Amino acid sequence: MDFALQTSGTYRQVLDMALWAERHGLVSLALPDHYVMSVRRDQLDVPAPDCFAQLAGLARETASIELSVLVSPITFRHPAVLAKLGATIAEMSGGRFSLGVGTGWLDMEHELFGFEYPPLATRFDMLEDALGYLRAAFAVEPIAHEGPFYRLAAFDMVPSQRVPIVVGGRGRLRTPRLAGTFADEYNAYPAPPDEFAARIGRAYRAAVAAGRDPAGILLSSSGNVVVANTETGYREKLSRQAKSAGMAVAEIEQHLADRNAPRGTAGQVQEVLGHLEEAGVTRFYLQTSGDTPLEAVEETLQLMGA
């Protein structure tokens, strides 16, 4: 399994993280797309810069590491804007950029910034239409797209650049179907082995139904991993993380459990990663904030078996 980072912060922080990751042989650095970086109203001062502007800078200041957005809510931008941003950063990076798109989930950022926030079913409909639009926009031979929300004429985009599409999330039904139908990479959050395998199976069946080769889809996963050599060390790390986030230990534990984040001793975490690898996952994004000391990131990766 290859390892990657997903981080956020000021440009200086994400650049330092990207250069460190590149030097240490990590395959990719991803940024999330959020207008606020906390679910708490008392933490709205946490920096939330524009991830596409940051990724454009990273495209010029890195040399080999892949770059990605995981993921951009379709509620923020028209797919034409996503296509232009993706193609431009792909060209600036020499083809090292992947564009992740999702439904959006953080209610508060939509409320604060005035974004329309339709019901989840509608957002999935918008996402499916947008993915068809992006597939048309990045097609080698120009094709048109006509959907319920978006339409695109058949013409060559400028700049013209093939951009891999990433579909990610925790959805059990529509997310894997959309990933299999449209995505070059399916970023599936960890889940119990049987449930996770079911998601991958749905993605593969959707790929076959769409006339695609399932083997051509990169399977990845991601999570905020809390790991130590011992149970005592794990509890200490959990306590520090809760304090840093302004949360009770029970709250941070529930947050990690809700996302099935690999956590515990090194052996426990490596067992979870082993189950993911058995299901076909070949890349794992360690989620970490930009102000995390690089020594702590390195320690976590080593304990994960990187």
Protein backbone atom coordinates (compact mmCIF):
# COMPACT_ATOMS: atom_id res chain seq x y z
CA MET A 1 0.00 0.00 0.00
CA ASP A 2 1.20 3.50 -0.87
CA PHE A 3 0.80 6.35 1.60
CA ALA A 4 -0.23 9.94 1.02
CA LEU A 5 -1.21 12.99 3.08
CA GLN A 6 -4.38 15.03 3.25
CA THR A 7 -3.80 18.31 5.04
CA SER A 8 -4.96 21.91 5.36
CA GLY A 9 -3.68 25.20 6.72
CA THR A 10 -1.88 28.31 5.56
CA TYR A 11 0.02 28.15 2.29
CA ARG A 12 3.34 28.02 4.14
CA GLN A 13 2.09 25.05 6.18
CA VAL A 14 0.77 23.05 3.23
CA LEU A 15 3.90 23.82 1.18
CA ASP A 16 6.17 22.59 3.99
CA MET A 17 4.03 19.45 4.26
CA ALA A 18 4.12 18.88 0.49
CA LEU A 19 7.90 19.30 0.23
CA TRP A 20 8.42 17.00 3.21
CA ALA A 21 6.07 14.39 1.73
CA GLU A 22 7.84 14.59 -1.62
CA ARG A 23 11.27 14.12 0.00
CA HIS A 24 10.00 11.13 1.99
CA GLY A 25 8.55 9.33 -1.02
CA LEU A 26 4.83 9.76 -0.31
CA VAL A 27 2.80 9.45 -3.50
CA SER A 28 0.32 12.30 -3.14
CA LEU A 29 -0.73 15.36 -1.18
CA ALA A 30 -4.42 16.25 -1.07
CA LEU A 31 -6.23 19.31 0.24
CA PRO A 32 -9.89 19.43 1.30
CA ASP A 33 -12.21 22.08 -0.14
CA HIS A 34 -13.97 23.92 2.69
CA TYR A 35 -14.97 27.48 3.39
CA VAL A 36 -14.65 26.85 7.12
CA MET A 37 -12.35 24.23 8.64
CA SER A 38 -14.32 23.38 11.78
CA VAL A 39 -17.78 22.13 12.60
CA ARG A 40 -17.74 24.36 15.69
CA ARG A 41 -18.92 27.98 15.63
CA ASP A 42 -16.37 28.92 18.28
CA GLN A 43 -13.52 27.84 15.97
CA LEU A 44 -14.30 29.83 12.84
CA ASP A 45 -10.89 31.52 13.06
CA VAL A 46 -9.15 28.33 11.87
CA PRO A 47 -7.58 29.24 8.47
CA ALA A 48 -9.61 28.06 5.47
CA PRO A 49 -7.79 29.35 2.36
CA ASP A 50 -8.96 28.51 -1.16
CA CYS A 51 -7.60 25.04 -1.88
CA PHE A 52 -7.42 25.52 -5.66
CA ALA A 53 -5.23 28.62 -5.30
CA GLN A 54 -3.01 26.69 -2.90
CA LEU A 55 -2.80 23.69 -5.24
CA ALA A 56 -1.81 25.95 -8.13
CA GLY A 57 1.07 27.22 -6.01
CA LEU A 58 2.06 23.70 -5.01
CA ALA A 59 1.99 22.68 -8.68
CA ARG A 60 4.88 25.07 -9.34
CA GLU A 61 6.83 24.46 -6.11
CA THR A 62 6.86 20.66 -6.15
CA ALA A 63 8.39 18.38 -8.74
CA SER A 64 7.02 14.85 -8.54
CA ILE A 65 4.36 14.36 -5.89
CA GLU A 66 0.76 13.99 -7.10
CA LEU A 67 -1.70 16.68 -6.03
CA SER A 68 -5.43 16.36 -5.44
CA VAL A 69 -8.50 18.01 -3.98
CA LEU A 70 -10.47 15.64 -1.71
CA VAL A 71 -13.15 16.68 -2.45
CA SER A 72 -14.86 19.78 -3.85
CA PRO A 73 -18.58 20.08 -3.05
CA ILE A 74 -20.68 20.52 -6.18
CA THR A 75 -22.64 23.15 -4.26
CA PHE A 76 -19.67 25.56 -4.40
CA ARG A 77 -18.92 25.80 -8.14
CA HIS A 78 -20.44 25.10 -11.53
CA PRO A 79 -18.71 22.10 -13.16
CA ALA A 80 -17.40 24.43 -15.88
CA VAL A 81 -15.43 26.25 -13.18
CA LEU A 82 -14.19 22.94 -11.77
CA ALA A 83 -13.16 21.81 -15.24
CA LYS A 84 -11.21 25.01 -15.90
CA LEU A 85 -9.53 24.94 -12.49
CA GLY A 86 -8.66 21.27 -12.85
CA ALA A 87 -7.28 21.61 -16.36
CA THR A 88 -5.22 24.66 -15.43
CA ILE A 89 -3.63 23.09 -12.35
CA ALA A 90 -3.03 19.85 -14.26
CA GLU A 91 -1.15 21.83 -16.92
CA MET A 92 0.80 23.82 -14.30
CA SER A 93 1.85 20.59 -12.54
CA GLY A 94 2.78 18.63 -15.64
CA GLY A 95 -0.21 16.31 -15.28
CA ARG A 96 0.09 15.61 -11.54
CA PHE A 97 -3.36 16.86 -10.48
CA SER A 98 -6.58 14.92 -9.77
CA LEU A 99 -9.97 16.56 -9.29
CA GLY A 100 -12.18 15.22 -6.50
CA VAL A 101 -15.89 16.08 -6.48
CA GLY A 102 -18.57 15.31 -3.90
CA THR A 103 -22.00 16.30 -2.63
CA GLY A 104 -20.87 18.54 0.23
CA TRP A 105 -21.81 17.81 3.82
CA LEU A 106 -20.91 20.72 6.12
CA ASP A 107 -24.18 22.53 6.71
CA MET A 108 -22.62 25.48 8.52
CA GLU A 109 -20.34 26.66 5.71
CA HIS A 110 -23.31 26.77 3.33
CA GLU A 111 -25.31 28.75 5.85
CA LEU A 112 -22.51 31.23 6.62
CA PHE A 113 -21.56 31.92 3.00
CA GLY A 114 -25.03 31.76 1.51
CA PHE A 115 -24.53 28.70 -0.71
CA GLU A 116 -27.68 26.89 -1.79
CA TYR A 117 -27.86 23.60 0.09
CA PRO A 118 -30.48 21.30 -1.44
CA PRO A 119 -31.46 18.00 0.21
CA LEU A 120 -28.89 15.21 -0.03
CA ALA A 121 -30.82 13.33 -2.74
CA THR A 122 -30.79 16.45 -4.92
CA ARG A 123 -27.10 17.02 -4.26
CA PHE A 124 -26.43 13.47 -5.43
CA ASP A 125 -28.42 14.20 -8.60
CA MET A 126 -26.32 17.34 -9.12
CA LEU A 127 -23.13 15.36 -8.52
CA GLU A 128 -24.08 12.68 -11.05
CA ASP A 129 -24.85 15.34 -13.65
CA ALA A 130 -21.61 17.20 -12.87
CA LEU A 131 -19.54 14.03 -13.22
CA GLY A 132 -21.05 13.41 -16.66
CA TYR A 133 -20.23 17.02 -17.55
CA LEU A 134 -16.62 16.65 -16.40
CA ARG A 135 -16.19 13.39 -18.30
CA ALA A 136 -17.35 15.21 -21.43
CA ALA A 137 -15.13 18.21 -20.71
CA PHE A 138 -12.02 16.05 -20.32
CA ALA A 139 -12.78 13.70 -23.23
CA VAL A 140 -10.03 13.26 -25.81
CA GLU A 141 -12.55 13.82 -28.60
CA PRO A 142 -14.97 16.67 -27.78
CA ILE A 143 -18.45 15.49 -26.82
CA ALA A 144 -21.52 17.35 -25.62
CA HIS A 145 -23.30 16.87 -22.32
CA GLU A 146 -26.97 17.58 -21.68
CA GLY A 147 -28.21 16.93 -18.17
CA PRO A 148 -30.94 18.07 -15.79
CA PHE A 149 -28.69 20.70 -14.17
CA TYR A 150 -25.76 21.31 -16.52
CA ARG A 151 -25.07 21.33 -20.25
CA LEU A 152 -21.86 21.55 -22.28
CA ALA A 153 -21.33 22.02 -26.00
CA ALA A 154 -18.87 19.75 -27.79
CA PHE A 155 -15.70 21.80 -28.20
CA ASP A 156 -12.01 21.72 -27.23
CA MET A 157 -11.40 23.23 -23.81
CA VAL A 158 -8.52 25.70 -23.46
CA PRO A 159 -6.26 24.69 -21.87
CA SER A 160 -7.04 21.14 -22.95
CA GLN A 161 -5.77 18.70 -20.34
CA ARG A 162 -6.97 15.23 -19.34
CA VAL A 163 -7.69 15.35 -15.61
CA PRO A 164 -8.30 12.24 -13.48
CA ILE A 165 -11.59 12.42 -11.55
CA VAL A 166 -11.90 11.31 -7.93
CA VAL A 167 -15.19 10.39 -6.27
CA GLY A 168 -15.08 9.95 -2.52
CA GLY A 169 -17.19 9.71 0.59
CA ARG A 170 -18.90 7.44 3.08
CA GLY A 171 -22.01 6.69 1.02
CA ARG A 172 -22.94 3.03 0.72
CA LEU A 173 -25.04 3.05 -2.46
CA ARG A 174 -24.88 6.04 -4.79
CA THR A 175 -21.29 7.01 -4.01
CA PRO A 176 -19.80 3.67 -5.13
CA ARG A 177 -22.12 3.57 -8.14
CA LEU A 178 -21.01 7.03 -9.25
CA ALA A 179 -17.37 6.14 -8.60
CA GLY A 180 -17.63 3.02 -10.75
CA THR A 181 -19.41 4.89 -13.52
CA PHE A 182 -17.22 7.99 -13.70
CA ALA A 183 -14.14 7.98 -11.45
CA ASP A 184 -10.49 7.27 -12.06
CA GLU A 185 -10.06 7.02 -8.28
CA TYR A 186 -12.59 5.90 -5.68
CA ASN A 187 -11.73 7.24 -2.23
CA ALA A 188 -13.79 5.13 0.15
CA TYR A 189 -13.71 5.88 3.86
CA PRO A 190 -12.86 2.89 6.07
CA ALA A 191 -15.71 0.61 7.14
CA PRO A 192 -16.08 -2.88 8.66
CA PRO A 193 -14.67 -5.46 6.20
CA ASP A 194 -18.02 -6.81 4.93
CA GLU A 195 -19.50 -3.35 4.43
CA PHE A 196 -16.34 -2.05 2.77
CA ALA A 197 -16.19 -5.02 0.39
CA ALA A 198 -19.85 -4.42 -0.51
CA ARG A 199 -19.06 -0.82 -1.50
CA ILE A 200 -16.16 -1.91 -3.68
CA GLY A 201 -18.36 -4.56 -5.28
CA ARG A 202 -20.99 -1.95 -6.15
CA ALA A 203 -18.34 0.28 -7.69
CA TYR A 204 -16.94 -2.56 -9.78
CA ARG A 205 -20.38 -3.65 -10.99
CA ALA A 206 -21.20 -0.06 -11.96
CA ALA A 207 -17.93 0.16 -13.90
CA VAL A 208 -18.78 -2.97 -15.87
CA ALA A 209 -22.29 -1.66 -16.56
CA ALA A 210 -20.74 1.56 -17.89
CA GLY A 211 -18.40 -0.37 -20.19
CA ARG A 212 -15.35 0.41 -18.10
CA ASP A 213 -12.59 -1.84 -16.75
CA PRO A 214 -12.86 -1.94 -12.92
CA ALA A 215 -9.14 -2.68 -12.73
CA GLY A 216 -8.50 0.82 -14.07
CA ILE A 217 -10.00 2.47 -10.97
CA LEU A 218 -7.52 3.40 -8.24
CA LEU A 219 -8.98 2.39 -4.86
CA SER A 220 -7.93 4.62 -1.98
CA SER A 221 -9.01 5.35 1.56
CA SER A 222 -8.29 8.03 4.14
CA GLY A 223 -8.63 8.84 7.79
CA ASN A 224 -7.44 10.71 10.85
CA VAL A 225 -5.25 7.97 12.32
CA VAL A 226 -4.46 8.04 16.04
CA VAL A 227 -1.84 5.39 16.80
CA ALA A 228 0.82 4.57 19.38
CA ASN A 229 2.95 1.60 20.38
CA THR A 230 0.86 0.91 23.47
CA GLU A 231 -2.72 1.37 24.63
CA THR A 232 -1.53 3.90 27.22
CA GLY A 233 0.31 5.87 24.56
CA TYR A 234 -2.80 5.81 22.36
CA ARG A 235 -4.98 7.17 25.17
CA GLU A 236 -2.45 9.95 25.78
CA LYS A 237 -2.46 10.93 22.09
CA LEU A 238 -6.23 10.84 22.03
CA SER A 239 -6.35 13.16 25.03
CA ARG A 240 -3.94 15.63 23.41
CA GLN A 241 -5.89 15.63 20.17
CA ALA A 242 -9.16 16.23 22.01
CA LYS A 243 -7.62 19.14 23.92
CA SER A 244 -6.23 20.66 20.71
CA ALA A 245 -9.66 20.39 19.05
CA GLY A 246 -11.46 21.82 22.06
CA MET A 247 -13.42 18.59 22.47
CA ALA A 248 -13.93 16.07 25.23
CA VAL A 249 -12.13 12.75 24.81
CA ALA A 250 -15.48 11.00 24.42
CA GLU A 251 -16.40 13.44 21.62
CA ILE A 252 -13.20 12.85 19.68
CA GLU A 253 -13.58 9.09 20.15
CA GLN A 254 -17.11 9.23 18.76
CA HIS A 255 -15.95 11.39 15.85
CA LEU A 256 -13.28 8.83 14.96
CA ALA A 257 -15.68 5.92 15.42
CA ASP A 258 -18.31 7.52 13.17
CA ARG A 259 -15.70 7.62 10.39
CA ASN A 260 -14.21 4.20 11.20
CA ALA A 261 -10.80 5.87 11.44
CA PRO A 262 -7.95 3.40 12.06
CA ARG A 263 -6.95 3.94 15.69
CA GLY A 264 -5.34 2.21 18.65
CA THR A 265 -2.01 0.43 18.89
CA ALA A 266 0.27 -0.03 15.89
CA GLY A 267 -0.85 -3.65 15.58
CA GLN A 268 -4.53 -2.70 15.61
CA VAL A 269 -4.09 0.01 13.00
CA GLN A 270 -1.99 -2.17 10.72
CA GLU A 271 -4.66 -4.88 10.95
CA VAL A 272 -7.31 -2.40 9.75
CA LEU A 273 -5.06 -1.25 6.91
CA GLY A 274 -4.47 -4.89 6.02
CA HIS A 275 -8.22 -5.46 5.64
CA LEU A 276 -8.44 -2.41 3.37
CA GLU A 277 -5.55 -3.71 1.27
CA GLU A 278 -7.20 -7.12 0.96
CA ALA A 279 -10.28 -5.33 -0.42
CA GLY A 280 -8.15 -3.72 -3.14
CA VAL A 281 -7.06 -0.42 -1.59
CA THR A 282 -3.62 0.61 -2.84
CA ARG A 283 -3.39 4.12 -1.37
CA PHE A 284 -4.14 5.57 2.07
CA TYR A 285 -4.31 9.30 2.82
CA LEU A 286 -3.30 10.18 6.37
CA GLN A 287 -5.40 13.17 7.38
CA THR A 288 -3.50 15.73 9.42
CA SER A 289 -3.67 19.46 10.03
CA GLY A 290 -1.02 21.78 8.66
CA ASP A 291 0.22 22.76 12.12
CA THR A 292 1.03 19.15 13.07
CA PRO A 293 4.80 18.82 13.65
CA LEU A 294 6.44 16.89 10.84
CA GLU A 295 8.11 14.63 13.39
CA ALA A 296 4.66 13.57 14.61
CA VAL A 297 3.50 12.91 11.03
CA GLU A 298 6.58 10.78 10.42
CA GLU A 299 6.02 8.82 13.64
CA THR A 300 2.40 8.12 12.74
CA LEU A 301 3.35 6.89 9.27
CA GLN A 302 6.02 4.59 10.71
CA LEU A 303 3.54 3.13 13.20
CA MET A 304 1.10 2.60 10.33
CA GLY A 305 3.77 0.52 8.56
CA ALA A 306 4.80 3.07 5.91
